[in-house]
């Protein structure tokens, strides 16, 4: 079955057409969704994003425009959007809340003997960073994602991610040191 036949079948509510679309594009959409949700969500969350993509296709097939691109690319965009939405929802619900010791240790800013006050201060400083810097720090040092994975998830180049990490770490160190100095005076 060709893509055009699939689209026609889906528009006529042919279950065989949607089954063929699922068979054809599931693996691709899995890769798209998991690129966004790597180390941030479970397999079930990725699976749900893929399933949501096909439900969206079934219920909103009229939104697909053949003149603007292929079904394949449209489904990839929908899957990526679903995965980003899921990530943001998880983040709002604190399902991937910052573990202060882990973040501080991974960033190399404080060691295990430093006080919990400094760790809490670090978390509050990270929470005050602008987007996407805050998300980049969380993904890199809490979720252990590589800059390349972060760049795919956020639509930035790997170089931009590395530069933002570098600048954010400097900013956080300076703020921590200035607050540490304020406490000693």
Foldseek 3Di string as FASTA:
>chain_A
DDQVVLLVCLVVVNPVSLVVVCVVQVVVLLVLLCLQCPLNDDSVLSVVLLVVLSVCCSVPVVPDDVVVHGPNVVSSVSSLVSSVVVSVVCVVVCVLPDDLQQLCVQLVQDHPVDDVVLSVVLSVLLVPDDPPLSVLSCCCRRSVDQLPSVCSNVVHHSVVSVVSPVVSSVVSNVVSVVVVVVVVD
